[in-house]
């Protein structure tokens, strides 16, 4: 608003107020305002710290889960690679030695073995080196081993 538009009484009041001393807030009011601002800043700071700690806790759980998953994946990759290479190397052998050859070799190595014992050991070694031999109780009983499949009996359609 311009001075020309104000009534003269307001002009004189304005001049009177601007010339006079301005009252300062009391020291008590100043201290109360400063304390209030400090407490708000502290509370906000604690909230920020609390939220950041919660975020870090959640991040650490995800880091653990990711590290655990990576460990499992690496372990599976290595074990499957080893399994494949062992099976591949065993299946590429031209012809495994016969039980009699292995028994003869065992008697060469350990002359104290009887004929029966060397044949038994040779048979056990032969079974252990054959990748197609049953290695689990499930394989021996015909349950499919670790695959978890059970071979069902064929349905009898002759009634």
N, C-alpha and C. Protein backbone atom coordinates (compact mmCIF):
# COMPACT_ATOMS: atom_id res chain seq x y z
N UNK A 1 0.82 -1.18 0.00
CA UNK A 1 0.00 0.00 0.00
C UNK A 1 0.86 1.24 0.00
N UNK A 2 0.52 2.15 -0.82
CA UNK A 2 1.30 3.39 -0.87
C UNK A 2 0.82 4.36 0.19
N UNK A 3 1.69 5.28 0.55
CA UNK A 3 1.36 6.26 1.59
C UNK A 3 0.24 7.19 1.15
N UNK A 4 0.15 7.44 -0.14
CA UNK A 4 -0.87 8.37 -0.61
C UNK A 4 -2.27 7.79 -0.44
N UNK A 5 -2.36 6.49 -0.37
CA UNK A 5 -3.67 5.87 -0.24
C UNK A 5 -4.08 5.71 1.22
N UNK A 6 -3.14 5.82 2.16
CA UNK A 6 -3.46 5.66 3.56
C UNK A 6 -4.01 6.97 4.14
N UNK A 7 -4.92 6.81 5.07
CA UNK A 7 -5.39 8.03 5.74
C UNK A 7 -4.26 8.64 6.57
N UNK A 8 -4.33 9.86 6.85
CA UNK A 8 -3.26 10.57 7.56
C UNK A 8 -3.09 10.06 8.98
N UNK A 9 -4.16 9.56 9.62
CA UNK A 9 -4.03 9.03 10.99
C UNK A 9 -3.14 7.79 11.02
N UNK A 10 -3.30 6.95 9.99
CA UNK A 10 -2.46 5.75 9.94
C UNK A 10 -1.01 6.12 9.68
N UNK A 11 -0.80 7.15 8.88
CA UNK A 11 0.58 7.59 8.63
C UNK A 11 1.24 8.05 9.91
N UNK A 12 0.53 8.78 10.68
CA UNK A 12 1.12 9.28 11.92
C UNK A 12 1.35 8.13 12.91
N UNK A 13 0.46 7.13 12.94
CA UNK A 13 0.64 5.97 13.81
C UNK A 13 1.85 5.16 13.36
N UNK A 14 2.00 5.02 12.08
CA UNK A 14 3.14 4.26 11.54
C UNK A 14 4.45 4.94 11.91
N UNK A 15 4.51 6.23 11.78
CA UNK A 15 5.72 6.97 12.13
C UNK A 15 6.03 6.85 13.61
N UNK A 16 5.00 6.91 14.42
CA UNK A 16 5.19 6.81 15.86
C UNK A 16 5.75 5.43 16.25
N UNK A 17 5.22 4.37 15.62
CA UNK A 17 5.68 3.01 15.95
C UNK A 17 7.09 2.73 15.43
N UNK A 18 7.44 3.25 14.30
CA UNK A 18 8.77 2.99 13.76
C UNK A 18 9.85 3.78 14.48
N UNK A 19 9.52 4.90 15.07
CA UNK A 19 10.52 5.70 15.79
C UNK A 19 10.80 5.17 17.19
N UNK A 20 9.83 4.55 17.79
CA UNK A 20 9.97 4.14 19.18
C UNK A 20 10.86 2.91 19.33
N UNK A 21 11.28 2.64 20.57
CA UNK A 21 12.12 1.46 20.82
C UNK A 21 11.29 0.17 20.65
N UNK A 22 11.95 -0.81 20.12
CA UNK A 22 11.28 -2.10 19.93
C UNK A 22 11.57 -2.98 21.14
N UNK A 23 10.55 -3.65 21.65
CA UNK A 23 10.81 -4.50 22.82
C UNK A 23 11.48 -5.81 22.37
N UNK A 24 12.46 -6.26 23.12
CA UNK A 24 13.17 -7.51 22.84
C UNK A 24 12.50 -8.63 23.63
N UNK A 25 12.50 -9.85 23.04
CA UNK A 25 11.90 -10.95 23.80
C UNK A 25 12.73 -11.24 25.05
N UNK A 26 12.06 -11.75 26.05
CA UNK A 26 12.75 -12.01 27.31
C UNK A 26 13.74 -13.16 27.13
N UNK A 27 14.70 -13.25 27.99
CA UNK A 27 15.71 -14.31 27.94
C UNK A 27 15.04 -15.67 28.16
N UNK A 28 13.99 -15.69 28.97
CA UNK A 28 13.27 -16.93 29.23
C UNK A 28 12.60 -17.45 27.97
N UNK A 29 11.98 -16.57 27.19
CA UNK A 29 11.35 -16.97 25.94
C UNK A 29 12.39 -17.48 24.95
N UNK A 30 13.52 -16.77 24.88
CA UNK A 30 14.59 -17.20 23.98
C UNK A 30 15.08 -18.60 24.34
N UNK A 31 15.27 -18.86 25.63
CA UNK A 31 15.74 -20.17 26.09
C UNK A 31 14.71 -21.26 25.79
N UNK A 32 13.42 -20.96 25.99
CA UNK A 32 12.37 -21.96 25.70
C UNK A 32 12.35 -22.30 24.22
N UNK A 33 12.49 -21.31 23.34
CA UNK A 33 12.50 -21.56 21.90
C UNK A 33 13.71 -22.40 21.51
N UNK A 34 14.88 -22.05 22.03
CA UNK A 34 16.09 -22.82 21.72
C UNK A 34 15.99 -24.27 22.22
N UNK A 35 15.45 -24.46 23.43
CA UNK A 35 15.28 -25.82 23.96
C UNK A 35 14.31 -26.63 23.11
N UNK A 36 13.24 -26.01 22.67
CA UNK A 36 12.27 -26.70 21.81
C UNK A 36 12.88 -27.12 20.48
N UNK A 37 13.65 -26.22 19.89
CA UNK A 37 14.31 -26.54 18.61
C UNK A 37 15.31 -27.67 18.81
N UNK A 38 16.10 -27.62 19.89
CA UNK A 38 17.07 -28.68 20.16
C UNK A 38 16.39 -30.03 20.34
N UNK A 39 15.29 -30.06 21.11
CA UNK A 39 14.63 -31.34 21.34
C UNK A 39 14.04 -31.90 20.04
N UNK A 40 13.50 -31.03 19.17
CA UNK A 40 12.98 -31.49 17.89
C UNK A 40 14.09 -32.04 17.01
N UNK A 41 15.22 -31.33 16.98
CA UNK A 41 16.34 -31.79 16.18
C UNK A 41 16.87 -33.13 16.70
N UNK A 42 16.97 -33.25 18.04
CA UNK A 42 17.45 -34.50 18.63
C UNK A 42 16.50 -35.65 18.32
N UNK A 43 15.20 -35.41 18.47
CA UNK A 43 14.22 -36.46 18.20
C UNK A 43 14.26 -36.87 16.74
N UNK A 44 14.35 -35.90 15.85
CA UNK A 44 14.45 -36.22 14.43
C UNK A 44 15.74 -36.98 14.13
N UNK A 45 16.82 -36.58 14.79
CA UNK A 45 18.09 -37.25 14.57
C UNK A 45 18.00 -38.70 15.05
N UNK A 46 17.40 -38.94 16.22
CA UNK A 46 17.24 -40.30 16.72
C UNK A 46 16.35 -41.12 15.80
N UNK A 47 15.30 -40.51 15.26
CA UNK A 47 14.44 -41.22 14.31
C UNK A 47 15.22 -41.61 13.06
N UNK A 48 16.04 -40.69 12.57
CA UNK A 48 16.84 -40.98 11.38
C UNK A 48 17.84 -42.11 11.67
N UNK A 49 18.49 -42.05 12.83
CA UNK A 49 19.45 -43.09 13.20
C UNK A 49 18.74 -44.43 13.35
N UNK A 50 17.57 -44.43 14.00
CA UNK A 50 16.81 -45.65 14.19
C UNK A 50 16.40 -46.25 12.85
N UNK A 51 15.94 -45.42 11.93
CA UNK A 51 15.55 -45.91 10.61
C UNK A 51 16.75 -46.45 9.85
N UNK A 52 17.89 -45.79 9.96
CA UNK A 52 19.09 -46.25 9.26
C UNK A 52 19.58 -47.58 9.83
N UNK A 53 19.49 -47.74 11.14
CA UNK A 53 19.88 -49.02 11.74
C UNK A 53 18.94 -50.13 11.29
N UNK A 54 17.65 -49.83 11.19
CA UNK A 54 16.69 -50.83 10.72
C UNK A 54 16.99 -51.21 9.28
N UNK A 55 17.29 -50.22 8.44
CA UNK A 55 17.65 -50.51 7.04
C UNK A 55 18.91 -51.37 6.97
N UNK A 56 19.89 -51.04 7.79
CA UNK A 56 21.15 -51.81 7.78
C UNK A 56 20.91 -53.24 8.24
N UNK A 57 20.02 -53.43 9.21
CA UNK A 57 19.69 -54.77 9.68
C UNK A 57 19.05 -55.58 8.56
N UNK A 58 18.14 -54.97 7.84
CA UNK A 58 17.47 -55.65 6.72
C UNK A 58 18.49 -55.95 5.62
N UNK A 59 19.37 -54.99 5.34
CA UNK A 59 20.41 -55.23 4.33
C UNK A 59 21.32 -56.38 4.72
N UNK A 60 21.66 -56.46 6.01
CA UNK A 60 22.56 -57.53 6.44
C UNK A 60 21.88 -58.89 6.29
N UNK A 61 20.56 -58.96 6.53
CA UNK A 61 19.84 -60.22 6.31
C UNK A 61 19.88 -60.60 4.84
N UNK A 62 19.68 -59.64 3.96
CA UNK A 62 19.72 -59.93 2.53
C UNK A 62 21.12 -60.31 2.09
N UNK A 63 22.13 -59.66 2.67
CA UNK A 63 23.51 -60.03 2.33
C UNK A 63 23.78 -61.48 2.73
N UNK A 64 23.32 -61.85 3.94
CA UNK A 64 23.50 -63.23 4.38
C UNK A 64 22.79 -64.20 3.45
N UNK A 65 21.56 -63.88 3.08
CA UNK A 65 20.79 -64.76 2.18
C UNK A 65 21.48 -64.89 0.83
N UNK A 66 22.00 -63.78 0.31
CA UNK A 66 22.69 -63.83 -0.98
C UNK A 66 23.98 -64.64 -0.88
N UNK A 67 24.73 -64.46 0.20
CA UNK A 67 25.96 -65.23 0.38
C UNK A 67 25.66 -66.72 0.53
N UNK A 68 24.60 -67.03 1.27
CA UNK A 68 24.21 -68.43 1.45
C UNK A 68 23.80 -69.05 0.12
N UNK A 69 23.00 -68.33 -0.66
CA UNK A 69 22.57 -68.84 -1.97
C UNK A 69 23.76 -69.02 -2.91
N UNK A 70 24.70 -68.07 -2.87
CA UNK A 70 25.89 -68.20 -3.71
C UNK A 70 26.72 -69.41 -3.31
N UNK A 71 26.83 -69.65 -2.01
CA UNK A 71 27.58 -70.81 -1.52
C UNK A 71 26.93 -72.10 -1.99
N UNK A 72 25.61 -72.16 -1.89
CA UNK A 72 24.89 -73.35 -2.34
C UNK A 72 25.09 -73.56 -3.84
N UNK A 73 24.97 -72.50 -4.61
CA UNK A 73 25.13 -72.62 -6.06
C UNK A 73 26.54 -73.08 -6.44
N UNK A 74 27.54 -72.51 -5.80
CA UNK A 74 28.92 -72.91 -6.10
C UNK A 74 29.14 -74.37 -5.69
N UNK A 75 28.62 -74.75 -4.53
CA UNK A 75 28.76 -76.14 -4.08
C UNK A 75 28.09 -77.11 -5.05
N UNK A 76 26.89 -76.78 -5.48
CA UNK A 76 26.19 -77.64 -6.43
C UNK A 76 26.94 -77.73 -7.75
N UNK A 77 27.44 -76.60 -8.22
CA UNK A 77 28.17 -76.59 -9.49
C UNK A 77 29.41 -77.48 -9.40
N UNK A 78 30.15 -77.32 -8.33
CA UNK A 78 31.37 -78.12 -8.17
C UNK A 78 31.03 -79.60 -8.04
N UNK A 79 30.05 -79.93 -7.19
CA UNK A 79 29.73 -81.34 -6.98
C UNK A 79 29.18 -81.99 -8.24
N UNK A 80 28.34 -81.26 -8.98
CA UNK A 80 27.83 -81.82 -10.23
C UNK A 80 28.94 -81.97 -11.27
N UNK A 81 29.86 -81.03 -11.29
CA UNK A 81 31.00 -81.14 -12.22
C UNK A 81 31.87 -82.33 -11.89
N UNK A 82 32.14 -82.52 -10.61
CA UNK A 82 32.95 -83.67 -10.20
C UNK A 82 32.21 -84.97 -10.51
N UNK A 83 30.93 -84.99 -10.22
CA UNK A 83 30.14 -86.21 -10.49
C UNK A 83 30.16 -86.53 -11.99
N UNK A 84 29.98 -85.51 -12.80
CA UNK A 84 29.98 -85.72 -14.25
C UNK A 84 31.34 -86.21 -14.73
N UNK A 85 32.41 -85.59 -14.23
CA UNK A 85 33.74 -85.99 -14.70
C UNK A 85 34.09 -87.40 -14.24
N UNK A 86 33.68 -87.78 -13.03
CA UNK A 86 33.96 -89.13 -12.54
C UNK A 86 33.17 -90.14 -13.36
N UNK A 87 31.89 -89.89 -13.57
CA UNK A 87 31.09 -90.82 -14.36
C UNK A 87 31.59 -90.90 -15.80
N UNK A 88 31.99 -89.74 -16.34
CA UNK A 88 32.48 -89.72 -17.71
C UNK A 88 33.79 -90.51 -17.83
N UNK A 89 34.69 -90.31 -16.86
CA UNK A 89 35.96 -91.03 -16.93
C UNK A 89 35.76 -92.52 -16.70
N UNK A 90 34.79 -92.88 -15.86
CA UNK A 90 34.55 -94.30 -15.64
C UNK A 90 33.88 -94.95 -16.85
N UNK A 91 33.03 -94.20 -17.54
CA UNK A 91 32.34 -94.79 -18.68
C UNK A 91 33.23 -94.85 -19.92
N UNK A 92 34.32 -94.10 -19.95
CA UNK A 92 35.21 -94.12 -21.12
C UNK A 92 36.24 -95.23 -21.08
N UNK A 93 36.34 -95.93 -19.97
CA UNK A 93 37.29 -97.05 -19.91
C UNK A 93 36.87 -98.10 -20.93
N UNK A 94 37.83 -98.61 -21.66
CA UNK A 94 37.53 -99.57 -22.72
C UNK A 94 36.88 -100.82 -22.14
N UNK A 95 37.55 -101.48 -21.27
CA UNK A 95 36.94 -102.64 -20.63
C UNK A 95 37.58 -102.79 -19.26
N UNK A 96 36.79 -102.87 -18.23
CA UNK A 96 37.36 -103.01 -16.89
C UNK A 96 38.02 -104.38 -16.76
N UNK A 97 39.00 -104.49 -15.90
CA UNK A 97 39.65 -105.78 -15.72
C UNK A 97 38.66 -106.80 -15.15
N UNK A 98 38.87 -108.04 -15.47
CA UNK A 98 37.98 -109.09 -14.97
C UNK A 98 38.24 -109.33 -13.50
N UNK A 99 37.30 -110.01 -12.87
CA UNK A 99 37.45 -110.30 -11.43
C UNK A 99 38.68 -111.18 -11.20
N UNK A 100 38.93 -112.11 -12.10
CA UNK A 100 40.10 -112.98 -11.95
C UNK A 100 41.40 -112.19 -12.05
N UNK A 101 41.44 -111.22 -12.97
CA UNK A 101 42.65 -110.38 -13.09
C UNK A 101 42.88 -109.56 -11.83
N UNK A 102 41.80 -109.00 -11.30
CA UNK A 102 41.93 -108.20 -10.08
C UNK A 102 42.32 -109.09 -8.90
N UNK A 103 41.74 -110.28 -8.81
CA UNK A 103 42.08 -111.21 -7.73
C UNK A 103 43.56 -111.60 -7.81
N UNK A 104 44.04 -111.87 -9.03
CA UNK A 104 45.45 -112.23 -9.22
C UNK A 104 46.34 -111.07 -8.78
N UNK A 105 45.96 -109.83 -9.16
CA UNK A 105 46.76 -108.65 -8.80
C UNK A 105 46.75 -108.45 -7.28
N UNK A 106 45.61 -108.69 -6.64
CA UNK A 106 45.54 -108.56 -5.18
C UNK A 106 46.44 -109.59 -4.50
N UNK A 107 46.51 -110.79 -5.04
CA UNK A 107 47.39 -111.81 -4.45
C UNK A 107 48.85 -111.46 -4.67
N UNK A 108 49.14 -110.76 -5.77
CA UNK A 108 50.51 -110.29 -6.02
C UNK A 108 50.89 -109.26 -4.96
N UNK A 109 49.95 -108.36 -4.68
CA UNK A 109 50.24 -107.28 -3.73
C UNK A 109 50.31 -107.82 -2.30
N UNK A 110 49.35 -108.67 -1.95
CA UNK A 110 49.29 -109.21 -0.59
C UNK A 110 49.23 -110.73 -0.65
N UNK A 111 50.38 -111.40 -0.57
CA UNK A 111 50.40 -112.86 -0.70
C UNK A 111 49.67 -113.59 0.42
N UNK A 112 49.37 -112.94 1.53
CA UNK A 112 48.72 -113.59 2.65
C UNK A 112 47.23 -113.83 2.40
N UNK A 113 46.65 -113.18 1.38
CA UNK A 113 45.23 -113.37 1.09
C UNK A 113 44.99 -114.75 0.50
N UNK A 114 43.93 -115.38 0.97
CA UNK A 114 43.57 -116.69 0.39
C UNK A 114 42.89 -116.45 -0.96
N UNK A 115 42.70 -117.53 -1.71
CA UNK A 115 42.05 -117.41 -3.01
C UNK A 115 40.63 -116.88 -2.87
N UNK A 116 39.91 -117.41 -1.87
CA UNK A 116 38.53 -116.97 -1.67
C UNK A 116 38.46 -115.49 -1.28
N UNK A 117 39.37 -115.09 -0.37
CA UNK A 117 39.37 -113.69 0.08
C UNK A 117 39.74 -112.75 -1.06
N UNK A 118 40.71 -113.11 -1.88
CA UNK A 118 41.09 -112.25 -3.00
C UNK A 118 39.96 -112.15 -4.02
N UNK A 119 39.22 -113.24 -4.26
CA UNK A 119 38.07 -113.19 -5.17
C UNK A 119 36.96 -112.31 -4.60
N UNK A 120 36.74 -112.43 -3.28
CA UNK A 120 35.71 -111.59 -2.64
C UNK A 120 36.08 -110.11 -2.75
N UNK A 121 37.34 -109.77 -2.44
CA UNK A 121 37.78 -108.37 -2.54
C UNK A 121 37.71 -107.87 -3.98
N UNK A 122 38.09 -108.73 -4.92
CA UNK A 122 38.03 -108.34 -6.33
C UNK A 122 36.59 -108.10 -6.76
N UNK A 123 35.67 -108.93 -6.28
CA UNK A 123 34.26 -108.75 -6.61
C UNK A 123 33.74 -107.44 -6.05
N UNK A 124 34.11 -107.14 -4.82
CA UNK A 124 33.67 -105.89 -4.20
C UNK A 124 34.24 -104.68 -4.93
N UNK A 125 35.50 -104.75 -5.33
CA UNK A 125 36.10 -103.65 -6.09
C UNK A 125 35.44 -103.49 -7.45
N UNK A 126 35.11 -104.59 -8.07
CA UNK A 126 34.47 -104.55 -9.39
C UNK A 126 33.10 -103.88 -9.28
N UNK A 127 32.34 -104.24 -8.26
CA UNK A 127 31.02 -103.63 -8.06
C UNK A 127 31.17 -102.14 -7.78
N UNK A 128 32.17 -101.77 -6.99
CA UNK A 128 32.36 -100.36 -6.64
C UNK A 128 32.83 -99.51 -7.80
N UNK A 129 33.50 -100.09 -8.80
CA UNK A 129 34.03 -99.29 -9.91
C UNK A 129 33.07 -99.22 -11.08
N UNK A 130 32.01 -100.01 -11.08
CA UNK A 130 31.06 -100.01 -12.18
C UNK A 130 30.04 -98.90 -11.95
N UNK A 131 29.98 -97.89 -12.84
CA UNK A 131 29.04 -96.79 -12.61
C UNK A 131 27.59 -97.22 -12.72
N UNK A 132 27.33 -98.35 -13.37
CA UNK A 132 25.95 -98.80 -13.52
C UNK A 132 25.55 -99.76 -12.41
N UNK A 133 26.47 -100.09 -11.52
CA UNK A 133 26.14 -101.03 -10.46
C UNK A 133 25.30 -100.31 -9.40
N UNK A 134 24.43 -101.04 -8.71
CA UNK A 134 23.62 -100.40 -7.67
C UNK A 134 24.51 -99.96 -6.52
N UNK A 135 24.33 -98.74 -6.09
CA UNK A 135 25.17 -98.20 -5.03
C UNK A 135 24.38 -97.84 -3.78
N UNK A 136 23.07 -97.78 -3.89
CA UNK A 136 22.25 -97.45 -2.72
C UNK A 136 21.26 -98.58 -2.49
N UNK A 137 20.73 -98.59 -1.29
CA UNK A 137 19.74 -99.60 -0.96
C UNK A 137 18.53 -99.47 -1.88
N UNK A 138 18.16 -98.25 -2.22
CA UNK A 138 17.04 -98.03 -3.13
C UNK A 138 17.30 -98.61 -4.50
N UNK A 139 18.55 -98.46 -4.99
CA UNK A 139 18.90 -99.06 -6.29
C UNK A 139 18.85 -100.58 -6.22
N UNK A 140 19.35 -101.13 -5.13
CA UNK A 140 19.38 -102.58 -5.00
C UNK A 140 17.96 -103.14 -4.93
N UNK A 141 17.09 -102.44 -4.19
CA UNK A 141 15.71 -102.91 -4.05
C UNK A 141 14.83 -102.49 -5.22
N UNK A 142 15.36 -101.68 -6.11
CA UNK A 142 14.60 -101.27 -7.29
C UNK A 142 13.71 -100.07 -7.07
N UNK A 143 14.05 -99.20 -6.08
CA UNK A 143 13.25 -98.02 -5.83
C UNK A 143 13.75 -96.79 -6.59
N UNK A 144 14.77 -96.89 -7.36
CA UNK A 144 15.26 -95.75 -8.12
C UNK A 144 16.29 -94.93 -7.39
N UNK A 145 16.71 -95.30 -6.22
CA UNK A 145 17.78 -94.61 -5.51
C UNK A 145 17.39 -93.23 -5.06
N UNK A 146 18.32 -92.29 -5.20
CA UNK A 146 18.12 -90.94 -4.68
C UNK A 146 17.11 -90.13 -5.48
N UNK A 147 16.68 -90.60 -6.62
CA UNK A 147 15.75 -89.84 -7.43
C UNK A 147 14.37 -89.76 -6.78
N UNK A 148 14.07 -90.69 -5.89
CA UNK A 148 12.81 -90.66 -5.19
C UNK A 148 11.65 -91.21 -5.99
N UNK A 149 11.93 -91.88 -7.08
CA UNK A 149 10.85 -92.45 -7.87
C UNK A 149 10.72 -93.92 -7.52
N UNK A 150 9.50 -94.36 -7.39
CA UNK A 150 9.23 -95.76 -7.09
C UNK A 150 8.65 -96.38 -8.34
N UNK A 151 9.24 -97.49 -8.75
CA UNK A 151 8.74 -98.17 -9.93
C UNK A 151 7.46 -98.91 -9.56
N UNK A 152 6.39 -98.56 -10.21
CA UNK A 152 5.11 -99.18 -9.91
C UNK A 152 5.02 -100.51 -10.66
N UNK A 153 4.30 -101.44 -10.08
CA UNK A 153 4.07 -102.72 -10.75
C UNK A 153 3.16 -102.47 -11.92
N UNK A 154 3.38 -103.16 -13.03
CA UNK A 154 2.48 -102.97 -14.17
C UNK A 154 1.07 -103.41 -13.80
N UNK A 155 0.11 -102.69 -14.34
CA UNK A 155 -1.29 -103.00 -14.03
C UNK A 155 -1.64 -104.33 -14.67
N UNK A 156 -2.39 -105.11 -13.94
CA UNK A 156 -2.81 -106.42 -14.43
C UNK A 156 -4.16 -106.23 -15.12
N UNK A 157 -4.15 -106.21 -16.44
CA UNK A 157 -5.39 -106.00 -17.19
C UNK A 157 -6.12 -107.30 -17.50
N UNK A 158 -5.52 -108.41 -17.15
CA UNK A 158 -6.16 -109.71 -17.41
C UNK A 158 -7.06 -110.08 -16.24
N UNK A 159 -8.30 -109.75 -16.32
CA UNK A 159 -9.23 -110.09 -15.24
C UNK A 159 -10.14 -111.19 -15.62
